[in-house]
Amino acid sequence: MSDWNSEKSAALYGINNWGSGYFRVNTSGNVQVTPEGPRDDQLIFSS
């Protein structure tokens, strides 16, 4: 079994597809939200 990473999580859940630039998984594996669109300030949710 290969090591899990944030890119694999994003691919599994498709967040970079349905997020339309407003939601994505960042390189740290946290959900990143840009409420005003992809070029706006970012909110990062982490555990």
C-alpha atoms as a PDB file:
ATOM      1  CA  MET A   1       0.000   0.000   0.000  1.00  0.00           C
ATOM      2  CA  SER A   2       1.379   3.394  -0.946  1.00  0.00           C
ATOM      3  CA  ASP A   3       1.621   6.366   1.386  1.00  0.00           C
ATOM      4  CA  TRP A   4      -1.438   8.583   1.548  1.00  0.00           C
ATOM      5  CA  ASN A   5      -1.097  12.293   0.788  1.00  0.00           C
ATOM      6  CA  SER A   6      -3.213  15.401   0.231  1.00  0.00           C
ATOM      7  CA  GLU A   7      -3.237  14.976  -3.548  1.00  0.00           C
ATOM      8  CA  LYS A   8      -4.727  11.499  -3.185  1.00  0.00           C
ATOM      9  CA  SER A   9      -7.379  12.837  -0.788  1.00  0.00           C
ATOM     10  CA  ALA A  10      -8.319  15.604  -3.216  1.00  0.00           C
ATOM     11  CA  ALA A  11      -8.580  13.080  -6.048  1.00  0.00           C
ATOM     12  CA  LEU A  12     -10.629  10.609  -3.991  1.00  0.00           C
ATOM     13  CA  TYR A  13     -13.237  13.173  -2.940  1.00  0.00           C
ATOM     14  CA  GLY A  14     -13.036  15.257  -6.123  1.00  0.00           C
ATOM     15  CA  ILE A  15     -13.005  18.496  -4.138  1.00  0.00           C
ATOM     16  CA  ASN A  16     -10.902  20.289  -6.736  1.00  0.00           C
ATOM     17  CA  ASN A  17     -13.626  19.473  -9.289  1.00  0.00           C
ATOM     18  CA  TRP A  18     -16.823  20.309  -7.395  1.00  0.00           C
ATOM     19  CA  GLY A  19     -15.185  23.079  -5.360  1.00  0.00           C
ATOM     20  CA  SER A  20     -15.077  25.327  -8.452  1.00  0.00           C
ATOM     21  CA  GLY A  21     -12.077  27.177  -7.082  1.00  0.00           C
ATOM     22  CA  TYR A  22     -13.876  27.988  -3.832  1.00  0.00           C
ATOM     23  CA  PHE A  23     -12.852  24.792  -2.012  1.00  0.00           C
ATOM     24  CA  ARG A  24      -9.690  22.738  -2.326  1.00  0.00           C
ATOM     25  CA  VAL A  25      -7.299  20.566  -0.347  1.00  0.00           C
ATOM     26  CA  ASN A  26      -4.021  22.422   0.151  1.00  0.00           C
ATOM     27  CA  THR A  27      -0.555  20.842   0.247  1.00  0.00           C
ATOM     28  CA  SER A  28      -0.813  20.451   4.040  1.00  0.00           C
ATOM     29  CA  GLY A  29      -3.955  18.346   3.608  1.00  0.00           C
ATOM     30  CA  ASN A  30      -6.310  20.977   5.026  1.00  0.00           C
ATOM     31  CA  VAL A  31      -9.481  22.267   3.413  1.00  0.00           C
ATOM     32  CA  GLN A  32      -8.937  25.733   1.995  1.00  0.00           C
ATOM     33  CA  VAL A  33     -11.906  28.020   1.275  1.00  0.00           C
ATOM     34  CA  THR A  34     -11.894  31.200  -0.811  1.00  0.00           C
ATOM     35  CA  PRO A  35     -15.397  32.667  -0.248  1.00  0.00           C
ATOM     36  CA  GLU A  36     -15.145  35.272  -3.011  1.00  0.00           C
ATOM     37  CA  GLY A  37     -13.535  32.944  -5.546  1.00  0.00           C
ATOM     38  CA  PRO A  38     -10.087  31.588  -6.353  1.00  0.00           C
ATOM     39  CA  ARG A  39      -8.268  34.935  -6.236  1.00  0.00           C
ATOM     40  CA  ASP A  40      -9.654  36.116  -2.891  1.00  0.00           C
ATOM     41  CA  ASP A  41      -8.348  35.771   0.652  1.00  0.00           C
ATOM     42  CA  GLN A  42      -8.176  32.204   1.927  1.00  0.00           C
ATOM     43  CA  LEU A  43      -9.652  30.529   4.996  1.00  0.00           C
ATOM     44  CA  ILE A  44      -7.962  27.290   6.011  1.00  0.00           C
ATOM     45  CA  PHE A  45      -9.665  24.644   8.120  1.00  0.00           C
ATOM     46  CA  SER A  46      -7.363  22.214   9.897  1.00  0.00           C
ATOM     47  CA  SER A  47      -7.718  19.646  12.628  1.00  0.00           C
END
